[in-house]
Amino acid sequence: MSRGLLLVISGPSGAGKGTVCDAYKKNCENHIWNSVSMTTRAPRAGEVEGESYYFVSREEFKAMIENDEFLEYAEVYGNYYGTPRAEVEKKLSEGTDVILEIDIQGALNVQENTTEGIFIFILPPSMNELRNRIIGRGSETPESLLTRFKSAYNEINYVNKYNYAITNHTVEQAYQDLICIVRAEKCRVTRVSNEILTLKEEKL
């Protein structure tokens, strides 16, 4: 059985990474597992344990940090968030692809904590389009819009830390680009070495 791919996907707010990931997961649901993060914050209305997040105490989270049980973690506004290592490893070893839709800080931490991972950055077609998408949400004040825009400029500077960049002109095109990346990665010689060895040992 071939080991699953670890797909780490990031991008600035408004680039559409969540929408692209949702389209991919919907069409590949039997072959992809969406990693569930762990957090110390309280559940919000409608959130489901084990689906939205794993909700734990600060003491439990810190104990897991001490035991090196996270692929990545961060403290945000007084609460911890992280990706448990064991469940990701289990799925990969079973041959299931795992998708991590995380911020850039988390992606860089994953790079430090594992030798595997396909790192994909979702870009907007233009900064003007990014601005229009954020405004289209109808939830931003002029001040928060400026903050998000400054953050987006800063985040795009990290694109060279990634293996691939997908420009999200449309969800369909970006989704198809993601499929092409996954197909190409699955054809790497290092991933099909067992099949190659079988061919070489086959007797006529």
Protein backbone atom coordinates (compact mmCIF):
# COMPACT_ATOMS: atom_id res chain seq x y z
CA MET A 1 0.00 0.00 0.00
CA SER A 2 1.32 3.42 -0.98
CA ARG A 3 1.59 5.97 1.78
CA GLY A 4 -0.89 8.83 1.63
CA LEU A 5 0.06 12.37 0.71
CA LEU A 6 0.17 15.14 3.30
CA LEU A 7 -1.28 18.21 1.56
CA VAL A 8 -0.59 21.46 3.41
CA ILE A 9 -2.60 24.34 1.96
CA SER A 10 -2.30 28.02 2.90
CA GLY A 11 -3.06 31.42 1.46
CA PRO A 12 -4.18 34.91 2.47
CA SER A 13 -7.70 35.57 3.68
CA GLY A 14 -9.94 36.07 0.65
CA ALA A 15 -7.82 34.00 -1.75
CA GLY A 16 -10.40 31.21 -1.59
CA LYS A 17 -8.33 28.41 -0.08
CA GLY A 18 -11.26 27.12 1.95
CA THR A 19 -13.55 27.00 -1.08
CA VAL A 20 -10.91 25.22 -3.18
CA CYS A 21 -10.26 22.70 -0.39
CA ASP A 22 -14.00 22.08 0.03
CA ALA A 23 -14.38 21.39 -3.70
CA TYR A 24 -11.47 18.97 -3.63
CA LYS A 25 -12.71 17.15 -0.52
CA LYS A 26 -16.25 16.89 -1.93
CA ASN A 27 -15.05 15.20 -5.09
CA CYS A 28 -12.39 13.02 -3.45
CA GLU A 29 -14.18 12.19 -0.20
CA ASN A 30 -13.27 8.49 -0.31
CA HIS A 31 -9.55 9.25 -0.72
CA ILE A 32 -8.99 12.30 1.45
CA TRP A 33 -9.16 12.98 5.17
CA ASN A 34 -9.54 16.47 6.56
CA SER A 35 -7.37 16.85 9.64
CA VAL A 36 -9.27 18.05 12.72
CA SER A 37 -7.44 20.58 14.86
CA MET A 38 -7.33 20.62 18.65
CA THR A 39 -8.03 23.73 20.69
CA THR A 40 -8.30 24.92 24.27
CA ARG A 41 -11.09 27.40 23.56
CA ALA A 42 -14.69 26.65 24.46
CA PRO A 43 -16.98 25.20 21.76
CA ARG A 44 -19.18 27.67 19.92
CA ALA A 45 -22.82 27.15 19.02
CA GLY A 46 -23.15 24.40 16.41
CA GLU A 47 -19.61 23.10 16.72
CA VAL A 48 -19.24 19.34 17.07
CA GLU A 49 -16.53 17.56 19.05
CA GLY A 50 -14.27 15.60 16.71
CA GLU A 51 -15.62 17.34 13.60
CA SER A 52 -15.16 21.06 14.19
CA TYR A 53 -12.30 20.66 16.71
CA TYR A 54 -11.12 18.45 19.50
CA PHE A 55 -11.78 20.52 22.62
CA VAL A 56 -9.33 19.99 25.50
CA SER A 57 -8.11 21.83 28.58
CA ARG A 58 -4.95 23.93 28.62
CA GLU A 59 -3.36 21.33 30.89
CA GLU A 60 -4.06 18.52 28.40
CA PHE A 61 -2.77 20.62 25.51
CA LYS A 62 0.44 21.57 27.31
CA ALA A 63 1.06 17.93 28.23
CA MET A 64 0.78 17.02 24.54
CA ILE A 65 3.27 19.77 23.68
CA GLU A 66 5.71 18.30 26.19
CA ASN A 67 5.26 14.86 24.62
CA ASP A 68 5.83 16.22 21.07
CA GLU A 69 2.34 15.15 19.98
CA PHE A 70 1.67 18.02 17.56
CA LEU A 71 2.73 18.51 13.96
CA GLU A 72 2.21 22.21 14.61
CA TYR A 73 0.61 24.41 17.21
CA ALA A 74 0.24 28.07 18.12
CA GLU A 75 -1.30 30.26 20.80
CA VAL A 76 -3.82 32.73 19.36
CA TYR A 77 -5.62 35.30 21.52
CA GLY A 78 -4.97 33.28 24.66
CA ASN A 79 -6.05 29.89 23.30
CA TYR A 80 -3.98 27.07 21.86
CA TYR A 81 -4.64 25.49 18.46
CA GLY A 82 -2.74 22.54 17.00
CA THR A 83 -2.69 19.54 14.67
CA PRO A 84 -2.34 16.21 16.53
CA ARG A 85 0.42 14.12 15.01
CA ALA A 86 -0.86 10.59 15.77
CA GLU A 87 -4.11 10.73 13.79
CA VAL A 88 -2.41 12.28 10.76
CA GLU A 89 0.27 9.59 10.84
CA LYS A 90 -2.35 6.84 11.12
CA LYS A 91 -4.24 8.04 8.05
CA LEU A 92 -1.07 8.48 5.98
CA SER A 93 0.14 4.97 6.89
CA GLU A 94 -3.25 3.58 5.78
CA GLY A 95 -2.74 5.14 2.34
CA THR A 96 -5.23 7.99 2.87
CA ASP A 97 -4.32 11.49 1.72
CA VAL A 98 -4.54 14.11 4.47
CA ILE A 99 -5.33 17.76 3.87
CA LEU A 100 -4.25 20.48 6.30
CA GLU A 101 -5.78 23.88 5.60
CA ILE A 102 -3.68 26.01 7.94
CA ASP A 103 -2.08 29.42 8.18
CA ILE A 104 1.48 30.14 7.12
CA GLN A 105 2.91 29.95 10.63
CA GLY A 106 1.41 26.47 11.00
CA ALA A 107 2.69 25.36 7.59
CA LEU A 108 6.23 26.47 8.42
CA ASN A 109 6.01 24.55 11.69
CA VAL A 110 4.93 21.42 9.81
CA GLN A 111 8.00 21.80 7.59
CA GLU A 112 10.17 21.79 10.70
CA ASN A 113 8.45 18.76 12.24
CA THR A 114 8.18 16.33 9.34
CA THR A 115 10.18 15.37 6.27
CA GLU A 116 7.05 14.88 4.18
CA GLY A 117 4.38 17.24 2.99
CA ILE A 118 3.24 18.84 -0.26
CA PHE A 119 3.03 22.58 0.44
CA ILE A 120 0.55 24.47 -1.75
CA PHE A 121 -0.13 28.22 -1.66
CA ILE A 122 -3.42 29.62 -2.96
CA LEU A 123 -3.02 33.06 -4.56
CA PRO A 124 -5.69 35.58 -5.61
CA PRO A 125 -5.68 36.60 -9.30
CA SER A 126 -4.89 40.19 -8.23
CA MET A 127 -4.82 42.29 -5.09
CA ASN A 128 -7.80 44.25 -6.42
CA GLU A 129 -9.79 41.03 -6.76
CA LEU A 130 -8.71 40.01 -3.26
CA ARG A 131 -10.02 43.34 -1.96
CA ASN A 132 -13.34 42.83 -3.77
CA ARG A 133 -13.74 39.34 -2.33
CA ILE A 134 -13.10 40.52 1.22
CA ILE A 135 -15.50 43.46 0.80
CA GLY A 136 -18.05 41.05 -0.68
CA ARG A 137 -18.26 39.22 2.62
CA GLY A 138 -19.87 42.34 4.09
CA SER A 139 -18.23 41.81 7.46
CA GLU A 140 -15.28 44.19 7.32
CA THR A 141 -14.89 47.73 8.60
CA PRO A 142 -12.48 50.05 6.76
CA GLU A 143 -9.96 49.47 9.55
CA SER A 144 -10.22 45.66 9.52
CA LEU A 145 -10.08 45.66 5.70
CA LEU A 146 -6.79 47.56 5.82
CA THR A 147 -5.44 45.13 8.42
CA ARG A 148 -6.37 42.12 6.30
CA PHE A 149 -4.83 43.72 3.21
CA LYS A 150 -1.54 44.41 4.99
CA SER A 151 -1.55 40.85 6.28
CA ALA A 152 -2.15 39.49 2.76
CA TYR A 153 0.83 41.41 1.35
CA ASN A 154 3.01 40.03 4.11
CA GLU A 155 1.77 36.45 3.67
CA ILE A 156 2.39 36.41 -0.07
CA ASN A 157 6.07 37.02 0.67
CA TYR A 158 6.20 33.46 2.02
CA VAL A 159 5.11 31.79 -1.22
CA ASN A 160 8.71 30.70 -1.97
CA LYS A 161 8.55 28.46 1.10
CA TYR A 162 5.95 26.32 -0.71
CA ASN A 163 6.26 23.66 -3.43
CA TYR A 164 3.39 24.89 -5.58
CA ALA A 165 1.32 28.03 -6.11
CA ILE A 166 -2.22 27.97 -7.51
CA THR A 167 -3.77 31.22 -8.69
CA ASN A 168 -7.48 31.03 -7.92
CA HIS A 169 -9.08 32.70 -10.94
CA THR A 170 -12.11 30.39 -10.55
CA VAL A 171 -12.82 27.60 -8.10
CA GLU A 172 -13.14 25.05 -10.91
CA GLN A 173 -9.76 25.96 -12.42
CA ALA A 174 -8.02 26.03 -9.03
CA TYR A 175 -9.60 22.72 -8.05
CA GLN A 176 -8.40 21.13 -11.30
CA ASP A 177 -4.90 22.50 -10.70
CA LEU A 178 -4.92 20.87 -7.27
CA ILE A 179 -5.96 17.55 -8.81
CA CYS A 180 -3.04 17.81 -11.28
CA ILE A 181 -0.56 18.45 -8.45
CA VAL A 182 -1.81 15.41 -6.51
CA ARG A 183 -1.67 13.18 -9.60
CA ALA A 184 1.88 14.31 -10.38
CA GLU A 185 3.02 13.71 -6.79
CA LYS A 186 1.58 10.20 -6.84
CA CYS A 187 3.70 9.44 -9.92
CA ARG A 188 7.02 10.35 -8.29
CA VAL A 189 9.55 7.56 -8.68
CA THR A 190 10.15 7.54 -4.93
CA ARG A 191 6.45 6.81 -4.35
CA VAL A 192 6.17 3.97 -6.86
CA SER A 193 9.48 2.31 -5.97
CA ASN A 194 7.72 -0.89 -4.84
CA GLU A 195 5.94 -1.22 -8.17
CA ILE A 196 9.23 -0.65 -9.99
CA LEU A 197 10.96 -3.27 -7.86
CA THR A 198 8.19 -5.77 -8.61
CA LEU A 199 8.62 -5.20 -12.34
CA LYS A 200 12.40 -5.66 -12.13
CA GLU A 201 12.00 -8.92 -10.23
CA GLU A 202 9.29 -10.30 -12.49
CA LYS A 203 10.41 -13.31 -14.51
CA LEU A 204 9.28 -13.87 -18.07
